[in-house]
Amino acid sequence: MTRVHTQGFTLLELLLVIAILGIIAGIFGWSLLGNLRATQLRDAATQISADLRAARSATLKSGQSTTVTTTLNASTYTVTRGADTRTRNLPSGVQVSAQTAAAVQYRAPSGVTDGTGTIWTLRHPASGRLMQVRIVGLTGKVILNAN
């Protein structure tokens, strides 16, 4: 009498492996999604701070005052220099809100602000993460703070 040896896995073993892989994939996916949202928020903060720095620089170069204005709890803001107004969209629906003043004006010819300082808060709608963009009084220097 010869014995036949079959090779393979039982259904229970396969289901157990699939369940373990699913749990690992879920944990990895959740972590990846959190990192993606943090990156989107950081990109939005970088964009708005770069536009603030560019506004100050443009004021110094052109001799025309430049104003950057936020829209309350929106994903847009405007940059105005003379008659030229440009609306900018923040990436991934990140919203900006003003804690102190909704607008920052760099005044010609020196590129200074009114001196009070301004704080804008950026929030990612899906994660609730926050970042602050601070515009230091008078000099208009831009500082990013993560919360």
N, C-alpha and C. Protein backbone atom coordinates (compact mmCIF):
# COMPACT_ATOMS: atom_id res chain seq x y z
N MET A 1 0.83 -1.15 0.00
CA MET A 1 0.00 0.00 0.00
C MET A 1 0.89 1.24 0.00
N THR A 2 0.63 2.14 -0.90
CA THR A 2 1.41 3.37 -0.99
C THR A 2 0.61 4.52 -0.42
N ARG A 3 1.35 5.36 0.23
CA ARG A 3 0.72 6.55 0.80
C ARG A 3 0.87 7.73 -0.16
N VAL A 4 -0.18 8.46 -0.29
CA VAL A 4 -0.14 9.66 -1.13
C VAL A 4 -0.05 10.86 -0.19
N HIS A 5 1.01 11.64 -0.36
CA HIS A 5 1.19 12.85 0.45
C HIS A 5 0.74 14.04 -0.38
N THR A 6 -0.20 14.75 0.15
CA THR A 6 -0.63 15.96 -0.53
C THR A 6 0.03 17.15 0.14
N GLN A 7 0.39 18.10 -0.68
CA GLN A 7 1.03 19.30 -0.15
C GLN A 7 0.08 20.47 -0.34
N GLY A 8 0.12 21.41 0.57
CA GLY A 8 -0.74 22.58 0.47
C GLY A 8 -1.10 23.09 1.85
N PHE A 9 -2.03 24.00 1.84
CA PHE A 9 -2.46 24.64 3.09
C PHE A 9 -3.95 24.39 3.26
N THR A 10 -4.35 24.37 4.48
CA THR A 10 -5.77 24.23 4.75
C THR A 10 -6.44 25.58 4.58
N LEU A 11 -7.73 25.57 4.45
CA LEU A 11 -8.49 26.80 4.30
C LEU A 11 -8.31 27.69 5.53
N LEU A 12 -8.27 27.13 6.69
CA LEU A 12 -8.09 27.88 7.92
C LEU A 12 -6.74 28.60 7.93
N GLU A 13 -5.69 27.94 7.49
CA GLU A 13 -4.36 28.56 7.44
C GLU A 13 -4.35 29.74 6.46
N LEU A 14 -4.98 29.56 5.31
CA LEU A 14 -5.03 30.65 4.32
C LEU A 14 -5.81 31.85 4.85
N LEU A 15 -6.95 31.59 5.50
CA LEU A 15 -7.74 32.68 6.05
C LEU A 15 -6.98 33.42 7.15
N LEU A 16 -6.23 32.71 7.95
CA LEU A 16 -5.44 33.34 9.01
C LEU A 16 -4.36 34.25 8.42
N VAL A 17 -3.68 33.80 7.40
CA VAL A 17 -2.64 34.60 6.75
C VAL A 17 -3.26 35.84 6.10
N ILE A 18 -4.40 35.67 5.45
CA ILE A 18 -5.06 36.81 4.80
C ILE A 18 -5.50 37.83 5.86
N ALA A 19 -5.99 37.37 6.99
CA ALA A 19 -6.41 38.28 8.06
C ALA A 19 -5.22 39.05 8.61
N ILE A 20 -4.11 38.40 8.83
CA ILE A 20 -2.90 39.07 9.34
C ILE A 20 -2.40 40.10 8.34
N LEU A 21 -2.38 39.74 7.06
CA LEU A 21 -1.94 40.69 6.03
C LEU A 21 -2.89 41.89 5.95
N GLY A 22 -4.19 41.65 6.13
CA GLY A 22 -5.16 42.74 6.12
C GLY A 22 -4.93 43.71 7.27
N ILE A 23 -4.65 43.19 8.44
CA ILE A 23 -4.39 44.05 9.60
C ILE A 23 -3.13 44.88 9.38
N ILE A 24 -2.09 44.26 8.88
CA ILE A 24 -0.83 44.98 8.61
C ILE A 24 -1.05 46.05 7.56
N ALA A 25 -1.78 45.72 6.49
CA ALA A 25 -2.05 46.70 5.43
C ALA A 25 -2.88 47.87 5.97
N GLY A 26 -3.83 47.59 6.84
CA GLY A 26 -4.64 48.64 7.42
C GLY A 26 -3.83 49.60 8.28
N ILE A 27 -2.96 49.07 9.08
CA ILE A 27 -2.11 49.91 9.93
C ILE A 27 -1.17 50.75 9.06
N PHE A 28 -0.57 50.13 8.07
CA PHE A 28 0.34 50.85 7.18
C PHE A 28 -0.40 51.93 6.40
N GLY A 29 -1.60 51.59 5.89
CA GLY A 29 -2.39 52.55 5.13
C GLY A 29 -2.81 53.74 5.96
N TRP A 30 -3.22 53.51 7.20
CA TRP A 30 -3.63 54.59 8.10
C TRP A 30 -2.46 55.52 8.39
N SER A 31 -1.30 54.94 8.62
CA SER A 31 -0.10 55.74 8.88
C SER A 31 0.28 56.55 7.64
N LEU A 32 0.20 55.93 6.49
CA LEU A 32 0.53 56.60 5.23
C LEU A 32 -0.42 57.77 4.97
N LEU A 33 -1.71 57.57 5.25
CA LEU A 33 -2.70 58.61 5.06
C LEU A 33 -2.42 59.80 5.98
N GLY A 34 -2.06 59.53 7.23
CA GLY A 34 -1.72 60.61 8.16
C GLY A 34 -0.52 61.40 7.70
N ASN A 35 0.49 60.71 7.18
CA ASN A 35 1.68 61.40 6.67
C ASN A 35 1.34 62.23 5.44
N LEU A 36 0.45 61.71 4.58
CA LEU A 36 0.04 62.44 3.39
C LEU A 36 -0.66 63.74 3.78
N ARG A 37 -1.56 63.68 4.74
CA ARG A 37 -2.28 64.88 5.18
C ARG A 37 -1.35 65.90 5.82
N ALA A 38 -0.37 65.42 6.59
CA ALA A 38 0.61 66.32 7.20
C ALA A 38 1.44 67.01 6.12
N THR A 39 1.79 66.28 5.08
CA THR A 39 2.55 66.85 3.97
C THR A 39 1.72 67.88 3.22
N GLN A 40 0.43 67.60 3.01
CA GLN A 40 -0.44 68.56 2.33
C GLN A 40 -0.55 69.86 3.13
N LEU A 41 -0.67 69.75 4.44
CA LEU A 41 -0.74 70.93 5.30
C LEU A 41 0.56 71.71 5.25
N ARG A 42 1.67 71.01 5.31
CA ARG A 42 2.99 71.66 5.24
C ARG A 42 3.17 72.36 3.88
N ASP A 43 2.72 71.73 2.80
CA ASP A 43 2.81 72.34 1.47
C ASP A 43 1.98 73.63 1.40
N ALA A 44 0.79 73.61 1.99
CA ALA A 44 -0.06 74.80 2.00
C ALA A 44 0.59 75.93 2.79
N ALA A 45 1.16 75.60 3.94
CA ALA A 45 1.84 76.61 4.75
C ALA A 45 3.05 77.17 4.02
N THR A 46 3.77 76.32 3.34
CA THR A 46 4.93 76.77 2.56
C THR A 46 4.50 77.69 1.43
N GLN A 47 3.39 77.34 0.77
CA GLN A 47 2.88 78.16 -0.34
C GLN A 47 2.50 79.55 0.13
N ILE A 48 1.74 79.63 1.21
CA ILE A 48 1.29 80.94 1.67
C ILE A 48 2.45 81.77 2.22
N SER A 49 3.40 81.13 2.88
CA SER A 49 4.56 81.88 3.38
C SER A 49 5.45 82.35 2.23
N ALA A 50 5.57 81.54 1.19
CA ALA A 50 6.35 81.97 0.01
C ALA A 50 5.68 83.15 -0.68
N ASP A 51 4.34 83.14 -0.74
CA ASP A 51 3.64 84.27 -1.35
C ASP A 51 3.77 85.53 -0.50
N LEU A 52 3.79 85.39 0.82
CA LEU A 52 4.00 86.55 1.68
C LEU A 52 5.40 87.13 1.48
N ARG A 53 6.39 86.26 1.40
CA ARG A 53 7.77 86.73 1.17
C ARG A 53 7.89 87.38 -0.20
N ALA A 54 7.23 86.77 -1.20
CA ALA A 54 7.25 87.34 -2.56
C ALA A 54 6.54 88.69 -2.59
N ALA A 55 5.49 88.86 -1.81
CA ALA A 55 4.77 90.13 -1.75
C ALA A 55 5.67 91.23 -1.20
N ARG A 56 6.41 90.90 -0.15
CA ARG A 56 7.34 91.88 0.42
C ARG A 56 8.43 92.25 -0.58
N SER A 57 8.96 91.23 -1.23
CA SER A 57 10.01 91.46 -2.22
C SER A 57 9.48 92.29 -3.40
N ALA A 58 8.27 91.97 -3.86
CA ALA A 58 7.69 92.72 -4.98
C ALA A 58 7.45 94.18 -4.60
N THR A 59 7.08 94.42 -3.35
CA THR A 59 6.88 95.80 -2.88
C THR A 59 8.20 96.57 -2.92
N LEU A 60 9.26 95.92 -2.47
CA LEU A 60 10.58 96.57 -2.49
C LEU A 60 11.05 96.85 -3.92
N LYS A 61 10.79 95.91 -4.83
CA LYS A 61 11.25 96.06 -6.22
C LYS A 61 10.41 97.06 -7.02
N SER A 62 9.08 96.98 -6.86
CA SER A 62 8.20 97.77 -7.72
C SER A 62 7.86 99.14 -7.16
N GLY A 63 7.96 99.30 -5.84
CA GLY A 63 7.57 100.56 -5.24
C GLY A 63 6.06 100.68 -5.06
N GLN A 64 5.33 99.58 -5.27
CA GLN A 64 3.89 99.57 -5.06
C GLN A 64 3.56 98.69 -3.86
N SER A 65 2.64 99.14 -3.04
CA SER A 65 2.23 98.34 -1.89
C SER A 65 1.57 97.05 -2.35
N THR A 66 1.76 95.99 -1.57
CA THR A 66 1.17 94.68 -1.88
C THR A 66 0.41 94.21 -0.65
N THR A 67 -0.81 93.68 -0.89
CA THR A 67 -1.65 93.20 0.19
C THR A 67 -1.98 91.73 -0.03
N VAL A 68 -1.85 90.93 1.02
CA VAL A 68 -2.25 89.53 0.99
C VAL A 68 -3.44 89.41 1.95
N THR A 69 -4.58 88.93 1.42
CA THR A 69 -5.82 88.87 2.19
C THR A 69 -6.37 87.46 2.22
N THR A 70 -6.72 87.00 3.41
CA THR A 70 -7.34 85.68 3.55
C THR A 70 -8.85 85.82 3.51
N THR A 71 -9.50 84.73 3.15
CA THR A 71 -10.95 84.64 3.22
C THR A 71 -11.26 83.72 4.38
N LEU A 72 -12.15 84.13 5.27
CA LEU A 72 -12.44 83.39 6.48
C LEU A 72 -12.82 81.94 6.20
N ASN A 73 -12.07 81.01 6.81
CA ASN A 73 -12.32 79.56 6.70
C ASN A 73 -12.51 79.10 5.26
N ALA A 74 -11.65 79.55 4.39
CA ALA A 74 -11.72 79.16 2.98
C ALA A 74 -10.37 78.61 2.56
N SER A 75 -10.35 78.05 1.37
CA SER A 75 -9.12 77.49 0.82
C SER A 75 -8.45 78.45 -0.15
N THR A 76 -8.82 79.72 -0.08
CA THR A 76 -8.27 80.71 -1.00
C THR A 76 -7.77 81.95 -0.25
N TYR A 77 -6.90 82.67 -0.91
CA TYR A 77 -6.46 83.98 -0.43
C TYR A 77 -6.08 84.79 -1.66
N THR A 78 -6.01 86.11 -1.52
CA THR A 78 -5.70 86.96 -2.67
C THR A 78 -4.43 87.75 -2.41
N VAL A 79 -3.72 88.00 -3.50
CA VAL A 79 -2.52 88.83 -3.47
C VAL A 79 -2.80 90.00 -4.41
N THR A 80 -2.75 91.24 -3.86
CA THR A 80 -3.09 92.42 -4.66
C THR A 80 -1.91 93.39 -4.65
N ARG A 81 -1.48 93.77 -5.85
CA ARG A 81 -0.44 94.80 -6.00
C ARG A 81 -0.92 95.75 -7.08
N GLY A 82 -1.19 96.99 -6.69
CA GLY A 82 -1.75 97.95 -7.63
C GLY A 82 -3.11 97.47 -8.11
N ALA A 83 -3.30 97.39 -9.43
CA ALA A 83 -4.57 96.93 -10.00
C ALA A 83 -4.58 95.42 -10.23
N ASP A 84 -3.46 94.78 -9.98
CA ASP A 84 -3.33 93.33 -10.23
C ASP A 84 -3.75 92.54 -8.99
N THR A 85 -4.81 91.76 -9.11
CA THR A 85 -5.29 90.92 -8.01
C THR A 85 -5.27 89.47 -8.47
N ARG A 86 -4.62 88.62 -7.69
CA ARG A 86 -4.56 87.20 -8.01
C ARG A 86 -5.11 86.39 -6.85
N THR A 87 -6.00 85.47 -7.17
CA THR A 87 -6.55 84.57 -6.16
C THR A 87 -5.77 83.28 -6.20
N ARG A 88 -5.32 82.84 -5.04
CA ARG A 88 -4.53 81.61 -4.94
C ARG A 88 -5.33 80.57 -4.16
N ASN A 89 -5.24 79.32 -4.60
CA ASN A 89 -5.91 78.21 -3.91
C ASN A 89 -4.89 77.41 -3.12
N LEU A 90 -5.25 77.06 -1.91
CA LEU A 90 -4.39 76.20 -1.10
C LEU A 90 -4.61 74.76 -1.51
N PRO A 91 -3.57 73.94 -1.49
CA PRO A 91 -3.72 72.55 -1.93
C PRO A 91 -4.57 71.70 -0.98
N SER A 92 -5.25 70.74 -1.56
CA SER A 92 -5.98 69.69 -0.82
C SER A 92 -7.05 70.22 0.13
N GLY A 93 -7.63 71.37 -0.20
CA GLY A 93 -8.72 71.90 0.62
C GLY A 93 -8.29 72.42 1.98
N VAL A 94 -7.01 72.65 2.18
CA VAL A 94 -6.54 73.22 3.46
C VAL A 94 -7.18 74.60 3.61
N GLN A 95 -7.67 74.89 4.80
CA GLN A 95 -8.37 76.15 5.05
C GLN A 95 -7.50 77.08 5.89
N VAL A 96 -7.63 78.37 5.60
CA VAL A 96 -6.88 79.37 6.35
C VAL A 96 -7.88 80.27 7.07
N SER A 97 -7.55 80.62 8.29
CA SER A 97 -8.38 81.58 9.04
C SER A 97 -7.45 82.54 9.77
N ALA A 98 -7.92 83.76 9.91
CA ALA A 98 -7.11 84.80 10.56
C ALA A 98 -7.45 84.86 12.04
N GLN A 99 -6.41 84.83 12.86
CA GLN A 99 -6.63 84.98 14.30
C GLN A 99 -6.58 86.45 14.71
N THR A 100 -5.81 87.25 14.00
CA THR A 100 -5.70 88.65 14.37
C THR A 100 -6.24 89.54 13.26
N ALA A 101 -5.63 89.54 12.09
CA ALA A 101 -6.08 90.38 10.98
C ALA A 101 -6.17 89.52 9.72
N ALA A 102 -7.17 89.82 8.88
CA ALA A 102 -7.38 89.03 7.67
C ALA A 102 -6.46 89.46 6.53
N ALA A 103 -5.80 90.59 6.68
CA ALA A 103 -4.95 91.09 5.60
C ALA A 103 -3.61 91.58 6.15
N VAL A 104 -2.60 91.42 5.32
CA VAL A 104 -1.26 91.95 5.61
C VAL A 104 -0.88 92.83 4.43
N GLN A 105 -0.52 94.07 4.72
CA GLN A 105 -0.10 94.97 3.65
C GLN A 105 1.36 95.34 3.85
N TYR A 106 2.14 95.08 2.79
CA TYR A 106 3.53 95.53 2.76
C TYR A 106 3.52 96.88 2.05
N ARG A 107 3.90 97.93 2.78
CA ARG A 107 3.81 99.28 2.26
C ARG A 107 5.09 99.69 1.54
N ALA A 108 4.88 100.34 0.41
CA ALA A 108 6.01 100.87 -0.37
C ALA A 108 6.49 102.13 0.32
N PRO A 109 7.72 102.50 0.18
CA PRO A 109 8.79 101.84 -0.56
C PRO A 109 9.63 100.88 0.28
N SER A 110 9.36 100.85 1.61
CA SER A 110 10.26 100.09 2.50
C SER A 110 9.84 98.64 2.71
N GLY A 111 8.63 98.25 2.33
CA GLY A 111 8.17 96.88 2.50
C GLY A 111 7.84 96.51 3.92
N VAL A 112 7.51 97.50 4.76
CA VAL A 112 7.15 97.21 6.15
C VAL A 112 5.64 97.04 6.27
N THR A 113 5.20 96.42 7.38
CA THR A 113 3.77 96.27 7.65
C THR A 113 3.34 97.32 8.66
N ASP A 114 2.12 97.22 9.14
CA ASP A 114 1.62 98.21 10.10
C ASP A 114 2.21 98.05 11.49
N GLY A 115 2.93 96.95 11.74
CA GLY A 115 3.63 96.79 13.00
C GLY A 115 2.91 95.99 14.06
N THR A 116 1.67 95.56 13.81
CA THR A 116 0.94 94.85 14.84
C THR A 116 1.21 93.35 14.84
N GLY A 117 1.64 92.81 13.73
CA GLY A 117 1.85 91.37 13.64
C GLY A 117 0.53 90.66 13.34
N THR A 118 0.62 89.55 12.67
CA THR A 118 -0.57 88.82 12.24
C THR A 118 -0.34 87.33 12.41
N ILE A 119 -1.40 86.62 12.78
CA ILE A 119 -1.32 85.16 12.89
C ILE A 119 -2.45 84.56 12.06
N TRP A 120 -2.08 83.67 11.14
CA TRP A 120 -3.05 82.92 10.35
C TRP A 120 -2.91 81.45 10.70
N THR A 121 -4.02 80.77 10.84
CA THR A 121 -4.02 79.35 11.15
C THR A 121 -4.49 78.56 9.95
N LEU A 122 -3.72 77.55 9.58
CA LEU A 122 -4.10 76.66 8.49
C LEU A 122 -4.53 75.34 9.09
N ARG A 123 -5.64 74.79 8.57
CA ARG A 123 -6.19 73.55 9.10
C ARG A 123 -6.51 72.61 7.96
N HIS A 124 -6.08 71.35 8.11
CA HIS A 124 -6.44 70.33 7.12
C HIS A 124 -7.82 69.81 7.49
N PRO A 125 -8.79 69.87 6.57
CA PRO A 125 -10.16 69.52 6.93
C PRO A 125 -10.36 68.05 7.30
N ALA A 126 -9.57 67.16 6.75
CA ALA A 126 -9.76 65.73 7.01
C ALA A 126 -9.09 65.29 8.32
N SER A 127 -7.97 65.90 8.65
CA SER A 127 -7.25 65.43 9.84
C SER A 127 -7.39 66.34 11.04
N GLY A 128 -7.74 67.59 10.81
CA GLY A 128 -7.83 68.54 11.91
C GLY A 128 -6.48 69.08 12.36
N ARG A 129 -5.41 68.68 11.69
CA ARG A 129 -4.07 69.20 12.04
C ARG A 129 -4.00 70.69 11.75
N LEU A 130 -3.17 71.38 12.55
CA LEU A 130 -3.05 72.83 12.43
C LEU A 130 -1.60 73.25 12.22
N MET A 131 -1.43 74.35 11.51
CA MET A 131 -0.14 75.05 11.42
C MET A 131 -0.44 76.53 11.48
N GLN A 132 0.49 77.28 12.02
CA GLN A 132 0.32 78.73 12.08
C GLN A 132 1.37 79.42 11.21
N VAL A 133 0.91 80.46 10.54
CA VAL A 133 1.80 81.35 9.80
C VAL A 133 1.77 82.67 10.55
N ARG A 134 2.92 83.07 11.07
CA ARG A 134 3.02 84.31 11.84
C ARG A 134 3.78 85.33 11.01
N ILE A 135 3.19 86.51 10.91
CA ILE A 135 3.85 87.62 10.24
C ILE A 135 4.25 88.60 11.34
N VAL A 136 5.54 88.73 11.54
CA VAL A 136 6.08 89.55 12.62
C VAL A 136 5.81 91.01 12.28
N GLY A 137 5.41 91.77 13.32
CA GLY A 137 5.12 93.18 13.12
C GLY A 137 6.23 93.93 12.41
N LEU A 138 5.97 95.04 11.93
CA LEU A 138 6.84 95.97 11.22
C LEU A 138 7.70 95.34 10.13
N THR A 139 8.55 94.36 10.44
CA THR A 139 9.46 93.81 9.43
C THR A 139 8.75 92.92 8.43
N GLY A 140 7.65 92.27 8.82
CA GLY A 140 6.92 91.40 7.92
C GLY A 140 7.54 90.04 7.76
N LYS A 141 8.49 89.69 8.62
CA LYS A 141 9.12 88.37 8.55
C LYS A 141 8.07 87.29 8.77
N VAL A 142 8.20 86.17 8.04
CA VAL A 142 7.21 85.09 8.09
C VAL A 142 7.81 83.91 8.85
N ILE A 143 7.05 83.39 9.83
CA ILE A 143 7.49 82.24 10.64
C ILE A 143 6.39 81.19 10.60
N LEU A 144 6.77 79.93 10.37
CA LEU A 144 5.83 78.81 10.39
C LEU A 144 5.95 78.08 11.71
N ASN A 145 4.80 77.78 12.33
CA ASN A 145 4.76 77.01 13.57
C ASN A 145 3.79 75.87 13.42
N ALA A 146 4.24 74.65 13.74
CA ALA A 146 3.35 73.50 13.74
C ALA A 146 2.76 73.33 15.13
N ASN A 147 1.48 73.01 15.19
CA ASN A 147 0.83 72.79 16.50
C ASN A 147 0.59 71.34 16.73
